[in-house]
Amino acid sequence: MLGSLFLSILSGHKRYAHITNLMSDRVNSELLGMSKVVSDDSARRGLKRLMKKWE
């Protein structure tokens, strides 16, 4: 999940919805050693869980 967010930021995206565009791009994810890119919904849920653990 963090890899997908990192890749999205490196690609210049500013919204969760743009992560979906990365799902079809295999080249950049392979450069980071990622086997898959999570969906925008999964990224939101994952960040929500991380924020709850930090509270």
N, C-alpha and C. Protein backbone atom coordinates (compact mmCIF):
# COMPACT_ATOMS: atom_id res chain seq x y z
N MET A 1 0.82 -1.17 0.00
CA MET A 1 0.00 0.00 0.00
C MET A 1 0.88 1.26 0.00
N LEU A 2 1.89 1.26 0.82
CA LEU A 2 2.77 2.43 0.87
C LEU A 2 3.54 2.61 -0.44
N GLY A 3 3.90 1.51 -1.07
CA GLY A 3 4.59 1.58 -2.36
C GLY A 3 3.71 2.22 -3.42
N SER A 4 2.42 1.89 -3.40
CA SER A 4 1.49 2.48 -4.36
C SER A 4 1.34 3.98 -4.13
N LEU A 5 1.26 4.38 -2.88
CA LEU A 5 1.17 5.81 -2.57
C LEU A 5 2.45 6.54 -2.97
N PHE A 6 3.59 5.92 -2.71
CA PHE A 6 4.87 6.51 -3.08
C PHE A 6 4.98 6.67 -4.60
N LEU A 7 4.58 5.64 -5.34
CA LEU A 7 4.61 5.70 -6.80
C LEU A 7 3.67 6.78 -7.32
N SER A 8 2.52 6.93 -6.69
CA SER A 8 1.57 7.96 -7.09
C SER A 8 2.15 9.35 -6.89
N ILE A 9 2.80 9.56 -5.76
CA ILE A 9 3.42 10.86 -5.47
C ILE A 9 4.55 11.15 -6.47
N LEU A 10 5.37 10.13 -6.75
CA LEU A 10 6.45 10.32 -7.73
C LEU A 10 5.92 10.62 -9.12
N SER A 11 4.73 10.13 -9.43
CA SER A 11 4.12 10.38 -10.74
C SER A 11 3.43 11.74 -10.81
N GLY A 12 3.40 12.46 -9.70
CA GLY A 12 2.83 13.80 -9.69
C GLY A 12 1.34 13.84 -9.39
N HIS A 13 0.78 12.73 -8.93
CA HIS A 13 -0.64 12.70 -8.62
C HIS A 13 -0.92 13.36 -7.28
N LYS A 14 -2.08 13.99 -7.18
CA LYS A 14 -2.44 14.69 -5.95
C LYS A 14 -3.73 14.18 -5.33
N ARG A 15 -4.35 13.18 -5.96
CA ARG A 15 -5.61 12.64 -5.45
C ARG A 15 -5.53 11.12 -5.42
N TYR A 16 -6.27 10.53 -4.47
CA TYR A 16 -6.30 9.07 -4.38
C TYR A 16 -6.83 8.44 -5.66
N ALA A 17 -7.78 9.08 -6.29
CA ALA A 17 -8.41 8.51 -7.49
C ALA A 17 -7.41 8.29 -8.62
N HIS A 18 -6.31 9.01 -8.62
CA HIS A 18 -5.32 8.86 -9.69
C HIS A 18 -4.48 7.59 -9.53
N ILE A 19 -4.54 6.95 -8.37
CA ILE A 19 -3.80 5.70 -8.18
C ILE A 19 -4.31 4.64 -9.15
N THR A 20 -5.59 4.71 -9.50
CA THR A 20 -6.18 3.75 -10.43
C THR A 20 -5.46 3.78 -11.77
N ASN A 21 -4.98 4.93 -12.19
CA ASN A 21 -4.24 5.03 -13.46
C ASN A 21 -2.94 4.23 -13.42
N LEU A 22 -2.37 4.06 -12.25
CA LEU A 22 -1.10 3.34 -12.12
C LEU A 22 -1.27 1.83 -12.20
N MET A 23 -2.49 1.35 -12.02
CA MET A 23 -2.72 -0.10 -12.02
C MET A 23 -2.39 -0.73 -13.37
N SER A 24 -2.53 0.01 -14.45
CA SER A 24 -2.23 -0.54 -15.77
C SER A 24 -0.78 -0.29 -16.19
N ASP A 25 -0.04 0.51 -15.43
CA ASP A 25 1.35 0.83 -15.75
C ASP A 25 2.27 -0.15 -15.03
N ARG A 26 2.81 -1.12 -15.74
CA ARG A 26 3.66 -2.15 -15.14
C ARG A 26 5.12 -1.73 -15.05
N VAL A 27 5.56 -0.83 -15.89
CA VAL A 27 6.98 -0.48 -15.94
C VAL A 27 7.43 0.20 -14.64
N ASN A 28 6.74 1.24 -14.22
CA ASN A 28 7.16 1.97 -13.03
C ASN A 28 7.07 1.14 -11.76
N SER A 29 6.03 0.33 -11.65
CA SER A 29 5.90 -0.51 -10.46
C SER A 29 7.01 -1.56 -10.41
N GLU A 30 7.39 -2.09 -11.56
CA GLU A 30 8.48 -3.06 -11.59
C GLU A 30 9.82 -2.42 -11.24
N LEU A 31 10.00 -1.16 -11.59
CA LEU A 31 11.24 -0.47 -11.24
C LEU A 31 11.40 -0.33 -9.73
N LEU A 32 10.27 -0.24 -9.02
CA LEU A 32 10.31 -0.16 -7.55
C LEU A 32 10.24 -1.53 -6.90
N GLY A 33 10.19 -2.59 -7.71
CA GLY A 33 10.15 -3.94 -7.17
C GLY A 33 8.78 -4.35 -6.65
N MET A 34 7.74 -3.71 -7.15
CA MET A 34 6.39 -4.00 -6.70
C MET A 34 5.74 -5.02 -7.63
N SER A 35 5.01 -5.97 -7.06
CA SER A 35 4.32 -6.96 -7.88
C SER A 35 2.94 -6.50 -8.29
N LYS A 36 2.35 -5.57 -7.53
CA LYS A 36 1.04 -5.03 -7.88
C LYS A 36 0.86 -3.64 -7.27
N VAL A 37 -0.12 -2.93 -7.78
CA VAL A 37 -0.49 -1.61 -7.27
C VAL A 37 -1.89 -1.73 -6.68
N VAL A 38 -2.07 -1.23 -5.47
CA VAL A 38 -3.38 -1.33 -4.83
C VAL A 38 -4.33 -0.28 -5.41
N SER A 39 -5.62 -0.50 -5.22
CA SER A 39 -6.62 0.45 -5.71
C SER A 39 -6.68 1.67 -4.79
N ASP A 40 -7.36 2.69 -5.25
CA ASP A 40 -7.47 3.91 -4.44
C ASP A 40 -8.28 3.64 -3.16
N ASP A 41 -9.27 2.77 -3.22
CA ASP A 41 -10.05 2.43 -2.02
C ASP A 41 -9.19 1.71 -0.98
N SER A 42 -8.36 0.81 -1.44
CA SER A 42 -7.47 0.09 -0.53
C SER A 42 -6.45 1.04 0.11
N ALA A 43 -5.97 1.98 -0.66
CA ALA A 43 -5.01 2.97 -0.13
C ALA A 43 -5.67 3.83 0.94
N ARG A 44 -6.91 4.25 0.71
CA ARG A 44 -7.63 5.04 1.72
C ARG A 44 -7.83 4.26 3.01
N ARG A 45 -8.28 3.00 2.87
CA ARG A 45 -8.50 2.18 4.06
C ARG A 45 -7.20 1.94 4.81
N GLY A 46 -6.13 1.68 4.09
CA GLY A 46 -4.84 1.45 4.72
C GLY A 46 -4.33 2.66 5.47
N LEU A 47 -4.46 3.84 4.87
CA LEU A 47 -4.02 5.06 5.55
C LEU A 47 -4.89 5.36 6.78
N LYS A 48 -6.16 5.05 6.67
CA LYS A 48 -7.07 5.26 7.80
C LYS A 48 -6.64 4.38 8.99
N ARG A 49 -6.27 3.13 8.69
CA ARG A 49 -5.80 2.23 9.76
C ARG A 49 -4.50 2.72 10.37
N LEU A 50 -3.58 3.19 9.52
CA LEU A 50 -2.32 3.72 10.04
C LEU A 50 -2.54 4.92 10.95
N MET A 51 -3.44 5.80 10.54
CA MET A 51 -3.69 6.99 11.36
C MET A 51 -4.32 6.63 12.69
N LYS A 52 -5.19 5.61 12.72
CA LYS A 52 -5.79 5.18 13.99
C LYS A 52 -4.75 4.61 14.94
N LYS A 53 -3.74 3.93 14.39
CA LYS A 53 -2.68 3.37 15.25
C LYS A 53 -1.80 4.45 15.85
N TRP A 54 -1.67 5.58 15.17
CA TRP A 54 -0.82 6.66 15.66
C TRP A 54 -1.52 7.53 16.70
N GLU A 55 -2.84 7.42 16.78
CA GLU A 55 -3.59 8.27 17.73
C GLU A 55 -3.43 7.80 19.14
